[in-house]
């Protein structure tokens, strides 16, 4: 018997795309992908967490122009 993972939801796919954008520091694209994930599944927590992380990184970036973010 083999186990299979359940198929990914559309919200998960958009969130994964957002995470990839974050890794590339493409924050505007990441925000848009998170917003799409939330539009599809309004209680999708990981997208909200990623949005929070993006806003925090942006705030740090503005506070310190020498920041690597």
C-alpha atoms as a PDB file:
ATOM      1  CA  UNK A   1       0.000   0.000   0.000  1.00  0.00           C
ATOM      2  CA  UNK A   2       1.411   3.349  -0.981  1.00  0.00           C
ATOM      3  CA  UNK A   3       0.440   6.599   0.599  1.00  0.00           C
ATOM      4  CA  UNK A   4      -0.241   9.620  -1.508  1.00  0.00           C
ATOM      5  CA  UNK A   5      -0.379  13.216  -0.493  1.00  0.00           C
ATOM      6  CA  UNK A   6      -3.637  15.046  -1.057  1.00  0.00           C
ATOM      7  CA  UNK A   7      -3.620  17.358  -4.064  1.00  0.00           C
ATOM      8  CA  UNK A   8      -2.541  20.909  -3.403  1.00  0.00           C
ATOM      9  CA  UNK A   9      -5.210  23.539  -3.241  1.00  0.00           C
ATOM     10  CA  UNK A  10      -5.016  26.593  -5.463  1.00  0.00           C
ATOM     11  CA  UNK A  11      -4.323  28.681  -2.355  1.00  0.00           C
ATOM     12  CA  UNK A  12      -1.322  26.491  -1.534  1.00  0.00           C
ATOM     13  CA  UNK A  13       0.022  26.873  -5.052  1.00  0.00           C
ATOM     14  CA  UNK A  14      -0.202  30.663  -4.898  1.00  0.00           C
ATOM     15  CA  UNK A  15       1.431  30.626  -1.480  1.00  0.00           C
ATOM     16  CA  UNK A  16       4.308  28.501  -2.768  1.00  0.00           C
ATOM     17  CA  UNK A  17       4.718  30.968  -5.609  1.00  0.00           C
ATOM     18  CA  UNK A  18       4.785  33.795  -3.057  1.00  0.00           C
ATOM     19  CA  UNK A  19       7.498  32.028  -1.071  1.00  0.00           C
ATOM     20  CA  UNK A  20       9.579  31.692  -4.233  1.00  0.00           C
ATOM     21  CA  UNK A  21       9.164  35.414  -4.907  1.00  0.00           C
ATOM     22  CA  UNK A  22      10.234  36.218  -1.347  1.00  0.00           C
ATOM     23  CA  UNK A  23      13.390  34.166  -1.843  1.00  0.00           C
ATOM     24  CA  UNK A  24      14.112  36.296  -4.915  1.00  0.00           C
ATOM     25  CA  UNK A  25      13.258  39.472  -2.957  1.00  0.00           C
ATOM     26  CA  UNK A  26      10.401  40.210  -5.367  1.00  0.00           C
ATOM     27  CA  UNK A  27       8.145  41.462  -2.614  1.00  0.00           C
ATOM     28  CA  UNK A  28       5.446  43.076  -4.755  1.00  0.00           C
ATOM     29  CA  UNK A  29       4.921  39.829  -6.648  1.00  0.00           C
ATOM     30  CA  UNK A  30       4.941  37.874  -3.388  1.00  0.00           C
ATOM     31  CA  UNK A  31       2.277  40.144  -1.915  1.00  0.00           C
ATOM     32  CA  UNK A  32       0.108  39.719  -5.007  1.00  0.00           C
ATOM     33  CA  UNK A  33       0.414  35.927  -4.812  1.00  0.00           C
ATOM     34  CA  UNK A  34      -0.455  35.921  -1.111  1.00  0.00           C
ATOM     35  CA  UNK A  35      -3.471  38.104  -1.775  1.00  0.00           C
ATOM     36  CA  UNK A  36      -4.655  35.670  -4.444  1.00  0.00           C
ATOM     37  CA  UNK A  37      -4.217  32.754  -2.042  1.00  0.00           C
ATOM     38  CA  UNK A  38      -6.295  34.604   0.550  1.00  0.00           C
ATOM     39  CA  UNK A  39      -8.933  35.522  -2.028  1.00  0.00           C
ATOM     40  CA  UNK A  40      -9.290  31.830  -2.886  1.00  0.00           C
ATOM     41  CA  UNK A  41      -9.211  30.607   0.708  1.00  0.00           C
ATOM     42  CA  UNK A  42      -9.775  33.465   3.128  1.00  0.00           C
ATOM     43  CA  UNK A  43      -8.623  31.515   6.187  1.00  0.00           C
ATOM     44  CA  UNK A  44      -5.371  30.256   4.654  1.00  0.00           C
ATOM     45  CA  UNK A  45      -2.998  31.084   7.498  1.00  0.00           C
ATOM     46  CA  UNK A  46       0.358  30.542   5.776  1.00  0.00           C
ATOM     47  CA  UNK A  47      -0.390  33.341   3.308  1.00  0.00           C
ATOM     48  CA  UNK A  48      -1.108  35.751   6.163  1.00  0.00           C
ATOM     49  CA  UNK A  49       2.126  34.736   7.864  1.00  0.00           C
ATOM     50  CA  UNK A  50       4.109  35.318   4.684  1.00  0.00           C
ATOM     51  CA  UNK A  51       2.485  38.739   4.250  1.00  0.00           C
ATOM     52  CA  UNK A  52       3.513  39.640   7.786  1.00  0.00           C
ATOM     53  CA  UNK A  53       7.066  38.533   7.113  1.00  0.00           C
ATOM     54  CA  UNK A  54       7.188  40.616   3.936  1.00  0.00           C
ATOM     55  CA  UNK A  55       5.956  43.758   5.688  1.00  0.00           C
ATOM     56  CA  UNK A  56       8.434  43.209   8.495  1.00  0.00           C
ATOM     57  CA  UNK A  57      11.300  42.805   6.011  1.00  0.00           C
ATOM     58  CA  UNK A  58      10.224  45.947   4.169  1.00  0.00           C
ATOM     59  CA  UNK A  59      10.111  47.913   7.410  1.00  0.00           C
ATOM     60  CA  UNK A  60      13.615  46.732   8.286  1.00  0.00           C
ATOM     61  CA  UNK A  61      14.777  47.668   4.804  1.00  0.00           C
ATOM     62  CA  UNK A  62      13.469  51.216   5.187  1.00  0.00           C
ATOM     63  CA  UNK A  63      15.007  51.552   8.647  1.00  0.00           C
ATOM     64  CA  UNK A  64      18.432  50.394   7.515  1.00  0.00           C
ATOM     65  CA  UNK A  65      19.468  51.254   3.962  1.00  0.00           C
ATOM     66  CA  UNK A  66      22.439  48.904   4.281  1.00  0.00           C
ATOM     67  CA  UNK A  67      20.213  45.925   5.071  1.00  0.00           C
ATOM     68  CA  UNK A  68      20.554  42.914   2.752  1.00  0.00           C
ATOM     69  CA  UNK A  69      16.738  42.800   2.300  1.00  0.00           C
END
